[in-house]
């Protein structure tokens, strides 16, 4: 690849903020075509004439899509997110396709959103806001609990999990963590690494910060829920498939789970980032979740800060330049990562 090559790229699942930050930071020589559509088999024909593509969390880059890309001369897949479970990496390797991700754009953005879910669920500020707007100044049924000295279980202590641990330590919580790779830095701060069962069973609040793969699919299921404390708070700002939604609904009905805060959902690609306010909701699981007063759902907005969006665009474009220059890149992902 020649360093001065001009690229024509197709960006899928884009919103106004994608255009804003990428247009600010991109090399003006490159051409970006923004598609609101998700990339999947049915929309792959939009890739004709492109040199590379850029996708987000709910695009589907399976073997058929990758084969189509390869047959049309495309050798580059840019991810403007940290997770890469939406890409068939084995197929990408088979077709000599380069795949790059953004592993750490702003860990604090997602970590702080997880804390926002905790505080909102606990102190019920969303309910208080709605009451006051209706001139209802009652504080009945708005009782929360002190975070200080509560046990917080953190599953996954990568960059986001580490940022979350630091914040919860600041609240005076006892932080328990589970990860295959322990962080000495966190140990020095007072985080206690334990096995997964201990982390789940001894925590008042459990927050998920691990990637989605074959090993972590439905990490939270009926068996593990039974090991949790009664009335536990469960937070997920990582990937929807970490949670078996049907099992969680049963646990909410029986009050085993006392609070649920999710910024991700296992079927979110059919819902999130779109406005369905004037349609009939067809997803029965999320419809059921919305009936619980102790459930808080946000639409995958944990990354949505000015700082994070700026970093996502810059790192994605740096990955593009690595591809053009033919340089090694730590952000490249392959099968087995």
Protein backbone atom coordinates (compact mmCIF):
# COMPACT_ATOMS: atom_id res chain seq x y z
CA UNK A 1 0.00 0.00 0.00
CA UNK A 2 1.43 3.40 -0.93
CA UNK A 3 1.47 6.00 1.89
CA UNK A 4 -0.25 8.63 -0.28
CA UNK A 5 -3.11 6.39 -1.40
CA UNK A 6 -6.50 8.08 -1.38
CA UNK A 7 -9.26 5.90 0.09
CA UNK A 8 -13.00 5.78 -0.52
CA UNK A 9 -14.70 4.46 2.59
CA UNK A 10 -18.25 3.45 3.45
CA UNK A 11 -19.37 4.14 7.01
CA UNK A 12 -22.39 2.10 8.12
CA UNK A 13 -24.92 2.67 10.94
CA UNK A 14 -23.98 6.34 11.08
CA UNK A 15 -25.66 9.15 12.97
CA UNK A 16 -25.17 12.90 12.89
CA UNK A 17 -22.45 12.78 15.55
CA UNK A 18 -20.40 10.31 13.48
CA UNK A 19 -20.40 12.72 10.56
CA UNK A 20 -19.49 15.65 12.79
CA UNK A 21 -16.41 14.12 14.40
CA UNK A 22 -15.09 12.19 11.41
CA UNK A 23 -15.46 15.18 9.09
CA UNK A 24 -13.48 17.29 11.56
CA UNK A 25 -10.63 14.80 11.97
CA UNK A 26 -10.31 13.05 8.59
CA UNK A 27 -7.67 13.67 5.96
CA UNK A 28 -9.57 15.76 3.37
CA UNK A 29 -8.07 13.67 0.58
CA UNK A 30 -10.08 10.63 1.67
CA UNK A 31 -13.75 10.29 0.76
CA UNK A 32 -16.24 9.03 3.31
CA UNK A 33 -19.74 7.96 2.28
CA UNK A 34 -22.06 7.81 5.28
CA UNK A 35 -24.82 5.20 5.30
CA UNK A 36 -27.55 5.20 7.93
CA UNK A 37 -28.24 1.56 7.06
CA UNK A 38 -26.67 -1.28 9.00
CA UNK A 39 -24.24 -3.48 7.12
CA UNK A 40 -25.63 -6.98 6.61
CA UNK A 41 -26.11 -9.39 3.74
CA UNK A 42 -29.07 -7.40 2.43
CA UNK A 43 -27.13 -4.11 2.29
CA UNK A 44 -23.71 -5.41 1.22
CA UNK A 45 -24.26 -4.14 -2.34
CA UNK A 46 -23.73 -0.61 -0.97
CA UNK A 47 -20.05 -1.52 -0.66
CA UNK A 48 -19.47 -1.65 -4.41
CA UNK A 49 -16.79 0.80 -5.51
CA UNK A 50 -15.37 1.24 -2.00
CA UNK A 51 -11.81 0.64 -0.79
CA UNK A 52 -12.80 -0.09 2.79
CA UNK A 53 -15.68 -0.03 5.25
CA UNK A 54 -16.25 1.19 8.80
CA UNK A 55 -18.86 -0.49 11.00
CA UNK A 56 -20.35 -0.19 14.48
CA UNK A 57 -21.65 -2.55 17.17
CA UNK A 58 -24.87 -3.72 15.48
CA UNK A 59 -23.59 -4.27 11.95
CA UNK A 60 -23.35 -7.91 10.83
CA UNK A 61 -20.06 -8.75 9.16
CA UNK A 62 -20.42 -12.50 8.72
CA UNK A 63 -18.71 -14.83 6.27
CA UNK A 64 -21.13 -14.07 3.41
CA UNK A 65 -20.63 -10.33 3.83
CA UNK A 66 -16.85 -10.74 4.01
CA UNK A 67 -16.87 -12.90 0.89
CA UNK A 68 -18.87 -10.19 -0.89
CA UNK A 69 -16.40 -7.52 0.25
CA UNK A 70 -13.46 -9.61 -0.93
CA UNK A 71 -15.04 -10.21 -4.33
CA UNK A 72 -15.40 -6.45 -4.75
CA UNK A 73 -11.79 -5.66 -3.91
CA UNK A 74 -12.25 -4.53 -0.32
CA UNK A 75 -9.49 -5.56 2.10
CA UNK A 76 -10.17 -3.27 5.09
CA UNK A 77 -12.73 -3.36 7.91
CA UNK A 78 -12.54 -0.55 10.44
CA UNK A 79 -14.48 -0.85 13.69
CA UNK A 80 -15.32 2.35 15.51
CA UNK A 81 -15.86 0.45 18.75
CA UNK A 82 -13.93 -1.79 21.14
CA UNK A 83 -15.89 -5.02 20.69
CA UNK A 84 -15.45 -7.15 17.60
CA UNK A 85 -17.93 -10.00 18.11
CA UNK A 86 -19.96 -8.71 15.13
CA UNK A 87 -17.16 -9.69 12.74
CA UNK A 88 -16.36 -13.25 11.67
CA UNK A 89 -12.61 -13.03 12.25
CA UNK A 90 -11.93 -16.50 10.87
CA UNK A 91 -13.59 -15.53 7.59
CA UNK A 92 -11.64 -12.25 7.60
CA UNK A 93 -8.42 -14.23 7.93
CA UNK A 94 -9.43 -16.64 5.19
CA UNK A 95 -10.00 -13.73 2.81
CA UNK A 96 -6.91 -11.80 3.97
CA UNK A 97 -9.06 -8.97 5.29
CA UNK A 98 -7.50 -6.51 7.75
CA UNK A 99 -9.67 -5.70 10.77
CA UNK A 100 -8.92 -2.86 13.19
CA UNK A 101 -10.81 -1.78 16.29
CA UNK A 102 -10.75 1.09 18.81
CA UNK A 103 -9.84 -0.69 22.06
CA UNK A 104 -9.73 2.30 24.41
CA UNK A 105 -11.34 5.54 23.26
CA UNK A 106 -12.49 6.79 26.66
CA UNK A 107 -12.83 4.10 29.31
CA UNK A 108 -14.11 6.71 31.72
CA UNK A 109 -17.14 7.47 29.50
CA UNK A 110 -18.56 3.95 29.80
CA UNK A 111 -17.46 3.51 33.42
CA UNK A 112 -19.14 6.75 34.43
CA UNK A 113 -22.33 5.72 32.63
CA UNK A 114 -22.37 2.49 34.63
CA UNK A 115 -22.14 4.58 37.80
CA UNK A 116 -24.94 6.82 36.52
CA UNK A 117 -27.17 3.75 36.17
CA UNK A 118 -26.29 2.68 39.72
CA UNK A 119 -27.04 6.08 41.24
CA UNK A 120 -30.26 6.53 39.28
CA UNK A 121 -31.61 3.11 40.18
CA UNK A 122 -30.58 3.52 43.81
CA UNK A 123 -31.71 7.08 44.54
CA UNK A 124 -34.54 7.02 41.98
CA UNK A 125 -33.69 10.45 40.61
CA UNK A 126 -35.53 9.72 37.35
CA UNK A 127 -38.74 9.13 39.28
CA UNK A 128 -38.18 12.21 41.45
CA UNK A 129 -37.66 14.32 38.31
CA UNK A 130 -40.96 13.17 36.80
CA UNK A 131 -42.81 13.76 40.09
CA UNK A 132 -41.53 17.30 40.51
CA UNK A 133 -42.46 18.12 36.90
CA UNK A 134 -46.04 17.21 37.89
CA UNK A 135 -45.79 19.28 41.12
CA UNK A 136 -45.71 16.10 43.19
CA UNK A 137 -43.18 16.81 45.97
CA UNK A 138 -43.75 13.58 47.86
CA UNK A 139 -40.68 11.46 48.68
CA UNK A 140 -42.66 8.32 49.42
CA UNK A 141 -41.11 5.15 47.88
CA UNK A 142 -37.91 6.96 46.91
CA UNK A 143 -35.77 5.31 49.58
CA UNK A 144 -32.30 4.26 48.46
CA UNK A 145 -29.21 2.93 50.21
CA UNK A 146 -25.71 4.14 51.02
CA UNK A 147 -23.08 3.00 48.54
CA UNK A 148 -20.42 3.40 51.19
CA UNK A 149 -19.12 -0.01 52.38
CA UNK A 150 -21.26 -1.97 49.93
CA UNK A 151 -19.64 -4.89 48.11
CA UNK A 152 -19.32 -4.18 44.39
CA UNK A 153 -18.44 -7.06 42.08
CA UNK A 154 -16.65 -6.14 38.85
CA UNK A 155 -16.47 -8.82 36.17
CA UNK A 156 -13.74 -7.79 33.75
CA UNK A 157 -10.99 -5.36 34.70
CA UNK A 158 -9.76 -4.12 31.37
CA UNK A 159 -9.54 -0.38 30.81
CA UNK A 160 -13.25 0.26 31.41
CA UNK A 161 -13.44 -2.11 34.36
CA UNK A 162 -10.36 -0.49 35.88
CA UNK A 163 -11.89 2.99 35.54
CA UNK A 164 -15.10 1.70 37.14
CA UNK A 165 -13.19 0.14 40.05
CA UNK A 166 -11.47 3.45 40.77
CA UNK A 167 -14.78 5.30 40.87
CA UNK A 168 -16.43 2.78 43.20
CA UNK A 169 -13.43 2.83 45.54
CA UNK A 170 -14.00 6.57 45.73
CA UNK A 171 -17.51 5.91 47.05
CA UNK A 172 -16.00 3.85 49.86
CA UNK A 173 -17.13 0.52 48.43
CA UNK A 174 -15.36 -2.79 48.91
CA UNK A 175 -14.54 -3.82 45.36
CA UNK A 176 -14.32 -7.48 44.41
CA UNK A 177 -13.09 -8.31 40.92
CA UNK A 178 -12.89 -11.28 38.61
CA UNK A 179 -10.65 -11.43 35.56
CA UNK A 180 -8.25 -13.97 34.10
CA UNK A 181 -5.59 -11.27 34.09
CA UNK A 182 -5.27 -9.48 37.41
CA UNK A 183 -4.16 -5.85 37.54
CA UNK A 184 -1.46 -5.22 40.14
CA UNK A 185 -2.31 -1.53 40.04
CA UNK A 186 -5.86 -2.27 41.23
CA UNK A 187 -4.64 -4.59 43.98
CA UNK A 188 -2.52 -1.77 45.36
CA UNK A 189 -5.60 0.45 45.44
CA UNK A 190 -7.52 -2.13 47.48
CA UNK A 191 -9.39 -4.16 44.88
CA UNK A 192 -9.64 -7.82 45.90
CA UNK A 193 -9.48 -10.39 43.10
CA UNK A 194 -11.65 -13.45 43.73
CA UNK A 195 -13.07 -16.33 41.72
CA UNK A 196 -16.21 -15.77 39.66
CA UNK A 197 -18.58 -17.49 42.10
CA UNK A 198 -17.30 -15.47 45.04
CA UNK A 199 -17.56 -12.26 43.04
CA UNK A 200 -21.16 -13.03 42.14
CA UNK A 201 -22.31 -14.39 45.49
CA UNK A 202 -20.78 -11.77 47.81
CA UNK A 203 -21.63 -8.61 45.90
CA UNK A 204 -24.48 -6.18 46.52
CA UNK A 205 -23.88 -4.67 43.10
CA UNK A 206 -22.52 -6.56 40.08
CA UNK A 207 -21.22 -4.67 37.04
CA UNK A 208 -20.20 -6.37 33.79
CA UNK A 209 -17.17 -5.08 31.88
CA UNK A 210 -16.02 -8.06 29.83
CA UNK A 211 -16.13 -8.80 26.09
CA UNK A 212 -18.69 -11.07 24.48
CA UNK A 213 -17.32 -14.36 23.16
CA UNK A 214 -18.14 -18.05 23.31
CA UNK A 215 -16.87 -18.25 26.88
CA UNK A 216 -18.85 -15.28 28.20
CA UNK A 217 -22.11 -15.79 26.27
CA UNK A 218 -24.92 -15.81 28.87
CA UNK A 219 -22.43 -15.37 31.68
CA UNK A 220 -25.40 -14.28 33.75
CA UNK A 221 -27.90 -17.15 33.67
CA UNK A 222 -30.37 -18.80 36.04
CA UNK A 223 -27.70 -20.90 37.74
CA UNK A 224 -25.46 -17.95 38.53
CA UNK A 225 -28.40 -15.75 39.48
CA UNK A 226 -29.29 -18.28 42.19
CA UNK A 227 -25.86 -17.70 43.70
CA UNK A 228 -26.44 -13.96 43.99
CA UNK A 229 -27.63 -12.11 47.06
CA UNK A 230 -31.36 -11.46 47.29
CA UNK A 231 -32.12 -8.00 45.93
CA UNK A 232 -28.80 -7.66 44.09
CA UNK A 233 -28.25 -4.81 41.63
CA UNK A 234 -27.07 -5.95 38.18
CA UNK A 235 -25.47 -3.49 35.75
CA UNK A 236 -24.44 -4.19 32.15
CA UNK A 237 -22.74 -1.59 29.96
CA UNK A 238 -20.66 -4.10 28.00
CA UNK A 239 -22.51 -6.44 25.60
CA UNK A 240 -26.12 -7.57 25.73
CA UNK A 241 -25.32 -11.24 25.13
CA UNK A 242 -23.60 -11.48 28.51
CA UNK A 243 -27.05 -11.71 30.07
CA UNK A 244 -29.76 -14.28 29.45
CA UNK A 245 -32.69 -11.88 29.38
CA UNK A 246 -35.34 -14.55 30.00
CA UNK A 247 -33.54 -15.73 33.13
CA UNK A 248 -33.16 -12.16 34.38
CA UNK A 249 -36.87 -11.48 33.88
CA UNK A 250 -37.72 -14.51 36.02
CA UNK A 251 -35.32 -13.28 38.68
CA UNK A 252 -36.92 -9.83 38.63
CA UNK A 253 -40.38 -11.35 39.00
CA UNK A 254 -39.24 -13.31 42.06
CA UNK A 255 -37.34 -10.28 43.43
CA UNK A 256 -34.05 -12.16 43.39
CA UNK A 257 -32.67 -9.29 41.31
CA UNK A 258 -33.67 -6.06 43.03
CA UNK A 259 -32.38 -3.63 40.40
CA UNK A 260 -31.37 -3.95 36.76
CA UNK A 261 -29.54 -1.29 34.78
CA UNK A 262 -28.59 -2.05 31.18
CA UNK A 263 -27.13 0.07 28.40
CA UNK A 264 -26.97 -2.97 26.10
CA UNK A 265 -29.43 -5.69 25.14
CA UNK A 266 -28.94 -9.02 23.38
CA UNK A 267 -31.42 -8.12 20.61
CA UNK A 268 -30.51 -4.45 20.47
CA UNK A 269 -29.63 -4.41 16.79
CA UNK A 270 -33.38 -4.45 16.07
CA UNK A 271 -34.09 -1.53 18.39
CA UNK A 272 -31.29 0.68 19.60
CA UNK A 273 -30.30 3.94 17.90
CA UNK A 274 -33.71 4.22 16.19
CA UNK A 275 -36.98 6.01 17.01
CA UNK A 276 -39.90 3.60 17.33
CA UNK A 277 -42.09 5.88 19.42
CA UNK A 278 -44.91 5.78 16.87
CA UNK A 279 -44.85 2.02 16.27
CA UNK A 280 -45.88 -1.11 18.14
CA UNK A 281 -42.99 -2.68 20.02
CA UNK A 282 -42.53 -6.22 18.70
CA UNK A 283 -39.78 -7.35 21.07
CA UNK A 284 -41.63 -9.05 23.91
CA UNK A 285 -38.60 -9.40 26.18
CA UNK A 286 -37.71 -5.73 26.30
CA UNK A 287 -41.41 -4.89 26.51
CA UNK A 288 -41.58 -7.04 29.64
CA UNK A 289 -38.47 -5.42 31.09
CA UNK A 290 -40.06 -2.00 30.65
CA UNK A 291 -42.93 -3.03 32.96
CA UNK A 292 -40.64 -3.34 35.99
CA UNK A 293 -40.26 -0.21 38.15
CA UNK A 294 -36.77 -1.31 39.20
CA UNK A 295 -35.36 -1.61 35.67
CA UNK A 296 -33.51 1.19 33.89
CA UNK A 297 -32.64 0.85 30.20
CA UNK A 298 -30.55 3.24 28.13
CA UNK A 299 -29.94 2.82 24.42
CA UNK A 300 -26.20 2.00 24.22
CA UNK A 301 -25.18 5.56 25.04
CA UNK A 302 -22.31 4.78 27.40
CA UNK A 303 -19.78 5.90 24.77
CA UNK A 304 -21.67 9.07 23.91
CA UNK A 305 -19.48 11.88 25.20
CA UNK A 306 -17.61 14.58 23.29
CA UNK A 307 -14.30 13.20 24.54
CA UNK A 308 -15.07 9.63 23.50
CA UNK A 309 -16.44 10.54 20.06
CA UNK A 310 -13.37 12.64 19.33
CA UNK A 311 -11.05 9.80 20.34
CA UNK A 312 -13.05 7.20 18.39
CA UNK A 313 -12.71 9.21 15.20
CA UNK A 314 -9.01 9.92 15.69
CA UNK A 315 -8.06 6.32 16.53
CA UNK A 316 -10.17 4.92 13.67
CA UNK A 317 -8.46 7.26 11.24
CA UNK A 318 -5.05 6.37 12.70
CA UNK A 319 -5.89 2.72 12.06
CA UNK A 320 -6.72 3.65 8.48
CA UNK A 321 -3.32 5.27 8.08
CA UNK A 322 -1.60 2.19 9.49
CA UNK A 323 -3.34 0.13 6.81
CA UNK A 324 -2.33 2.56 4.07
CA UNK A 325 1.29 2.65 5.28
CA UNK A 326 1.44 -1.12 5.75
CA UNK A 327 2.63 -0.62 9.33
CA UNK A 328 2.01 -3.03 12.23
CA UNK A 329 -0.82 -1.88 14.48
CA UNK A 330 -1.71 -2.94 18.02
CA UNK A 331 -5.38 -2.32 17.21
CA UNK A 332 -5.55 -5.04 14.56
CA UNK A 333 -7.69 -8.01 15.56
CA UNK A 334 -7.48 -11.54 14.23
CA UNK A 335 -9.09 -14.89 14.96
CA UNK A 336 -7.95 -16.04 18.37
CA UNK A 337 -7.77 -12.53 19.87
